[in-house]
Amino acid sequence: MAIAEWTERELLDRIEAGGLREAVLFYTAMCGTCKVAERMLEIVEAAGVPIEICKLNINYAPVLREHWRVSSVPCLVLLEDGEPVRMEYAMVSVDHLYRILQ
């Protein structure tokens, strides 16, 4: 199962709607580590975490990149009510990601 890709506008619209608890993976297309992180998140998603996971190409998300100060990729941003509550840059293991997305 592939992680859904959103545009910055789609994510901003969802944030404005409120009540949001999601995880957003910032990535770039040519980043090998990002591909590994995405595969790990696909496994976590298949295991049934209670949070929606999406991905967003950082090159096409200047507003969120600056506002949230995303400094490198991959970066997993956990959102609650549209605000980042955790930013994970080290995708240590599938188990680690599973625990933080519970």
N, C-alpha and C. Protein backbone atom coordinates (compact mmCIF):
# COMPACT_ATOMS: atom_id res chain seq x y z
N MET A 1 0.84 -1.19 0.00
CA MET A 1 0.00 0.00 0.00
C MET A 1 0.89 1.25 0.00
N ALA A 2 0.65 2.13 -0.92
CA ALA A 2 1.48 3.34 -1.05
C ALA A 2 0.97 4.45 -0.14
N ILE A 3 1.90 5.23 0.34
CA ILE A 3 1.56 6.40 1.14
C ILE A 3 0.97 7.45 0.20
N ALA A 4 -0.16 8.04 0.58
CA ALA A 4 -0.81 9.05 -0.25
C ALA A 4 0.05 10.31 -0.34
N GLU A 5 0.16 10.84 -1.55
CA GLU A 5 0.92 12.09 -1.74
C GLU A 5 -0.07 13.25 -1.84
N TRP A 6 0.21 14.30 -1.08
CA TRP A 6 -0.64 15.48 -1.09
C TRP A 6 0.16 16.67 -1.59
N THR A 7 -0.57 17.67 -2.04
CA THR A 7 0.06 18.95 -2.37
C THR A 7 0.06 19.80 -1.10
N GLU A 8 0.87 20.82 -1.12
CA GLU A 8 0.90 21.73 0.02
C GLU A 8 -0.48 22.36 0.22
N ARG A 9 -1.16 22.73 -0.86
CA ARG A 9 -2.49 23.33 -0.76
C ARG A 9 -3.49 22.39 -0.11
N GLU A 10 -3.45 21.11 -0.50
CA GLU A 10 -4.35 20.11 0.09
C GLU A 10 -4.12 19.99 1.60
N LEU A 11 -2.87 19.95 2.01
CA LEU A 11 -2.57 19.84 3.43
C LEU A 11 -2.98 21.10 4.17
N LEU A 12 -2.70 22.27 3.61
CA LEU A 12 -3.11 23.53 4.25
C LEU A 12 -4.62 23.58 4.41
N ASP A 13 -5.36 23.12 3.41
CA ASP A 13 -6.83 23.09 3.51
C ASP A 13 -7.29 22.17 4.63
N ARG A 14 -6.66 21.01 4.76
CA ARG A 14 -7.01 20.08 5.84
C ARG A 14 -6.69 20.67 7.20
N ILE A 15 -5.57 21.37 7.30
CA ILE A 15 -5.19 22.00 8.56
C ILE A 15 -6.20 23.07 8.94
N GLU A 16 -6.61 23.88 7.97
CA GLU A 16 -7.60 24.94 8.22
C GLU A 16 -8.95 24.37 8.65
N ALA A 17 -9.28 23.16 8.19
CA ALA A 17 -10.54 22.52 8.57
C ALA A 17 -10.53 22.12 10.05
N GLY A 18 -9.33 21.91 10.62
CA GLY A 18 -9.21 21.64 12.05
C GLY A 18 -9.39 20.19 12.43
N GLY A 19 -9.11 19.90 13.72
CA GLY A 19 -9.27 18.58 14.28
C GLY A 19 -8.37 17.53 13.67
N LEU A 20 -7.21 17.93 13.21
CA LEU A 20 -6.33 17.07 12.43
C LEU A 20 -5.31 16.36 13.31
N ARG A 21 -5.23 15.05 13.16
CA ARG A 21 -4.13 14.26 13.76
C ARG A 21 -3.59 13.39 12.65
N GLU A 22 -2.44 13.78 12.12
CA GLU A 22 -1.85 13.10 10.97
C GLU A 22 -0.33 13.12 11.07
N ALA A 23 0.27 12.34 10.19
CA ALA A 23 1.72 12.32 10.06
C ALA A 23 2.06 12.67 8.62
N VAL A 24 3.00 13.58 8.44
CA VAL A 24 3.40 14.03 7.11
C VAL A 24 4.89 13.75 6.93
N LEU A 25 5.20 12.99 5.87
CA LEU A 25 6.59 12.71 5.54
C LEU A 25 7.05 13.70 4.49
N PHE A 26 7.98 14.57 4.85
CA PHE A 26 8.61 15.46 3.88
C PHE A 26 9.75 14.69 3.23
N TYR A 27 9.82 14.74 1.90
CA TYR A 27 10.81 13.98 1.16
C TYR A 27 11.22 14.75 -0.10
N THR A 28 12.24 14.23 -0.78
CA THR A 28 12.55 14.66 -2.14
C THR A 28 12.65 13.42 -3.01
N ALA A 29 12.41 13.59 -4.29
CA ALA A 29 12.32 12.45 -5.21
C ALA A 29 13.63 11.66 -5.34
N MET A 30 14.76 12.31 -5.28
CA MET A 30 16.04 11.65 -5.51
C MET A 30 16.74 11.19 -4.23
N CYS A 31 16.06 11.25 -3.11
CA CYS A 31 16.65 10.92 -1.81
C CYS A 31 16.45 9.44 -1.49
N GLY A 32 17.54 8.69 -1.44
CA GLY A 32 17.46 7.27 -1.13
C GLY A 32 16.98 7.00 0.28
N THR A 33 17.44 7.79 1.23
CA THR A 33 17.00 7.63 2.62
C THR A 33 15.51 7.90 2.74
N CYS A 34 14.99 8.82 1.94
CA CYS A 34 13.55 9.11 1.93
C CYS A 34 12.76 7.91 1.44
N LYS A 35 13.29 7.21 0.45
CA LYS A 35 12.62 6.02 -0.07
C LYS A 35 12.55 4.92 0.99
N VAL A 36 13.63 4.77 1.75
CA VAL A 36 13.65 3.80 2.84
C VAL A 36 12.63 4.20 3.91
N ALA A 37 12.60 5.48 4.27
CA ALA A 37 11.65 5.97 5.28
C ALA A 37 10.21 5.73 4.81
N GLU A 38 9.95 5.98 3.54
CA GLU A 38 8.61 5.77 3.00
C GLU A 38 8.22 4.29 3.08
N ARG A 39 9.15 3.40 2.74
CA ARG A 39 8.86 1.97 2.81
C ARG A 39 8.58 1.55 4.25
N MET A 40 9.34 2.07 5.20
CA MET A 40 9.11 1.77 6.61
C MET A 40 7.73 2.24 7.04
N LEU A 41 7.32 3.43 6.59
CA LEU A 41 6.00 3.95 6.93
C LEU A 41 4.88 3.15 6.27
N GLU A 42 5.13 2.60 5.09
CA GLU A 42 4.14 1.73 4.45
C GLU A 42 3.90 0.48 5.30
N ILE A 43 4.96 -0.06 5.87
CA ILE A 43 4.84 -1.22 6.75
C ILE A 43 4.08 -0.84 8.01
N VAL A 44 4.40 0.30 8.59
CA VAL A 44 3.71 0.79 9.79
C VAL A 44 2.22 1.00 9.49
N GLU A 45 1.93 1.60 8.35
CA GLU A 45 0.54 1.85 7.97
C GLU A 45 -0.22 0.53 7.80
N ALA A 46 0.43 -0.47 7.19
CA ALA A 46 -0.20 -1.78 7.00
C ALA A 46 -0.45 -2.48 8.34
N ALA A 47 0.35 -2.14 9.35
CA ALA A 47 0.17 -2.73 10.69
C ALA A 47 -1.03 -2.13 11.41
N GLY A 48 -1.57 -1.05 10.89
CA GLY A 48 -2.81 -0.50 11.44
C GLY A 48 -2.66 0.56 12.50
N VAL A 49 -1.85 1.56 12.27
CA VAL A 49 -1.77 2.67 13.22
C VAL A 49 -3.01 3.56 13.08
N PRO A 50 -3.43 4.20 14.17
CA PRO A 50 -4.66 5.00 14.15
C PRO A 50 -4.46 6.44 13.68
N ILE A 51 -3.55 6.65 12.76
CA ILE A 51 -3.25 8.00 12.29
C ILE A 51 -3.03 7.93 10.78
N GLU A 52 -3.51 8.93 10.07
CA GLU A 52 -3.31 8.96 8.63
C GLU A 52 -1.90 9.45 8.33
N ILE A 53 -1.26 8.79 7.36
CA ILE A 53 0.10 9.15 6.96
C ILE A 53 0.05 9.62 5.51
N CYS A 54 0.69 10.75 5.24
CA CYS A 54 0.79 11.22 3.86
C CYS A 54 2.23 11.67 3.62
N LYS A 55 2.54 11.94 2.35
CA LYS A 55 3.87 12.45 2.03
C LYS A 55 3.73 13.73 1.22
N LEU A 56 4.76 14.56 1.32
CA LEU A 56 4.75 15.87 0.69
C LEU A 56 6.17 16.17 0.22
N ASN A 57 6.33 16.46 -1.08
CA ASN A 57 7.64 16.80 -1.62
C ASN A 57 8.04 18.18 -1.10
N ILE A 58 9.12 18.22 -0.36
CA ILE A 58 9.54 19.47 0.28
C ILE A 58 9.84 20.58 -0.74
N ASN A 59 10.21 20.20 -1.96
CA ASN A 59 10.50 21.20 -2.99
C ASN A 59 9.26 21.96 -3.43
N TYR A 60 8.09 21.39 -3.20
CA TYR A 60 6.84 22.01 -3.59
C TYR A 60 6.01 22.46 -2.39
N ALA A 61 6.68 22.62 -1.25
CA ALA A 61 5.98 23.02 -0.02
C ALA A 61 6.73 24.14 0.70
N PRO A 62 6.95 25.27 0.01
CA PRO A 62 7.75 26.33 0.63
C PRO A 62 7.12 26.95 1.87
N VAL A 63 5.81 27.05 1.90
CA VAL A 63 5.13 27.68 3.04
C VAL A 63 5.31 26.84 4.30
N LEU A 64 4.97 25.55 4.20
CA LEU A 64 5.09 24.67 5.37
C LEU A 64 6.55 24.44 5.75
N ARG A 65 7.42 24.31 4.76
CA ARG A 65 8.85 24.11 5.02
C ARG A 65 9.39 25.25 5.88
N GLU A 66 9.04 26.48 5.53
CA GLU A 66 9.52 27.64 6.28
C GLU A 66 8.80 27.78 7.63
N HIS A 67 7.50 27.63 7.62
CA HIS A 67 6.70 27.81 8.84
C HIS A 67 7.07 26.79 9.92
N TRP A 68 7.28 25.54 9.51
CA TRP A 68 7.63 24.49 10.46
C TRP A 68 9.12 24.31 10.62
N ARG A 69 9.91 25.05 9.85
CA ARG A 69 11.38 24.99 9.91
C ARG A 69 11.91 23.57 9.69
N VAL A 70 11.44 22.94 8.65
CA VAL A 70 11.93 21.61 8.28
C VAL A 70 13.33 21.79 7.73
N SER A 71 14.31 21.19 8.39
CA SER A 71 15.70 21.46 8.04
C SER A 71 16.33 20.45 7.10
N SER A 72 15.77 19.24 7.02
CA SER A 72 16.31 18.24 6.10
C SER A 72 15.26 17.16 5.86
N VAL A 73 15.57 16.30 4.89
CA VAL A 73 14.67 15.19 4.59
C VAL A 73 15.45 13.88 4.75
N PRO A 74 14.77 12.80 5.09
CA PRO A 74 13.35 12.73 5.39
C PRO A 74 13.03 13.36 6.74
N CYS A 75 11.82 13.87 6.84
CA CYS A 75 11.33 14.45 8.09
C CYS A 75 9.88 14.04 8.26
N LEU A 76 9.59 13.35 9.34
CA LEU A 76 8.22 12.96 9.66
C LEU A 76 7.68 13.95 10.68
N VAL A 77 6.63 14.67 10.29
CA VAL A 77 6.02 15.67 11.17
C VAL A 77 4.70 15.12 11.69
N LEU A 78 4.57 15.04 13.00
CA LEU A 78 3.32 14.60 13.61
C LEU A 78 2.49 15.83 13.94
N LEU A 79 1.25 15.82 13.45
CA LEU A 79 0.36 16.97 13.64
C LEU A 79 -0.79 16.61 14.58
N GLU A 80 -1.10 17.54 15.46
CA GLU A 80 -2.30 17.45 16.27
C GLU A 80 -2.97 18.81 16.19
N ASP A 81 -4.23 18.80 15.79
CA ASP A 81 -4.98 20.03 15.57
C ASP A 81 -4.24 20.98 14.63
N GLY A 82 -3.58 20.40 13.63
CA GLY A 82 -2.91 21.19 12.61
C GLY A 82 -1.57 21.77 13.00
N GLU A 83 -1.09 21.46 14.20
CA GLU A 83 0.19 21.99 14.66
C GLU A 83 1.19 20.85 14.84
N PRO A 84 2.43 21.08 14.45
CA PRO A 84 3.45 20.04 14.66
C PRO A 84 3.72 19.83 16.15
N VAL A 85 3.65 18.59 16.58
CA VAL A 85 3.95 18.26 17.97
C VAL A 85 5.25 17.45 18.09
N ARG A 86 5.70 16.92 16.96
CA ARG A 86 6.96 16.16 16.95
C ARG A 86 7.50 16.14 15.52
N MET A 87 8.81 16.29 15.42
CA MET A 87 9.49 16.20 14.13
C MET A 87 10.58 15.15 14.26
N GLU A 88 10.46 14.11 13.47
CA GLU A 88 11.37 12.98 13.54
C GLU A 88 12.24 12.97 12.27
N TYR A 89 13.53 13.13 12.45
CA TYR A 89 14.45 13.13 11.31
C TYR A 89 15.15 11.78 11.14
N ALA A 90 15.29 11.04 12.22
CA ALA A 90 15.96 9.74 12.17
C ALA A 90 14.90 8.64 12.18
N MET A 91 14.76 7.96 11.05
CA MET A 91 13.81 6.86 10.94
C MET A 91 14.54 5.61 11.42
N VAL A 92 14.59 5.42 12.72
CA VAL A 92 15.43 4.41 13.36
C VAL A 92 15.03 2.99 12.96
N SER A 93 13.75 2.69 13.07
CA SER A 93 13.26 1.34 12.76
C SER A 93 11.76 1.38 12.55
N VAL A 94 11.22 0.32 11.99
CA VAL A 94 9.78 0.21 11.82
C VAL A 94 9.11 0.24 13.19
N ASP A 95 9.68 -0.49 14.14
CA ASP A 95 9.14 -0.53 15.49
C ASP A 95 9.09 0.86 16.13
N HIS A 96 10.16 1.62 15.97
CA HIS A 96 10.23 2.98 16.52
C HIS A 96 9.12 3.86 15.90
N LEU A 97 8.99 3.80 14.59
CA LEU A 97 7.95 4.58 13.92
C LEU A 97 6.56 4.14 14.35
N TYR A 98 6.36 2.84 14.49
CA TYR A 98 5.07 2.32 14.93
C TYR A 98 4.70 2.90 16.31
N ARG A 99 5.68 2.88 17.23
CA ARG A 99 5.42 3.39 18.59
C ARG A 99 5.08 4.88 18.60
N ILE A 100 5.78 5.69 17.82
CA ILE A 100 5.50 7.13 17.87
C ILE A 100 4.20 7.49 17.16
N LEU A 101 3.70 6.60 16.29
CA LEU A 101 2.44 6.88 15.59
C LEU A 101 1.22 6.29 16.30
N GLN A 102 1.42 5.67 17.44
CA GLN A 102 0.30 5.13 18.21
C GLN A 102 -0.44 6.23 18.94
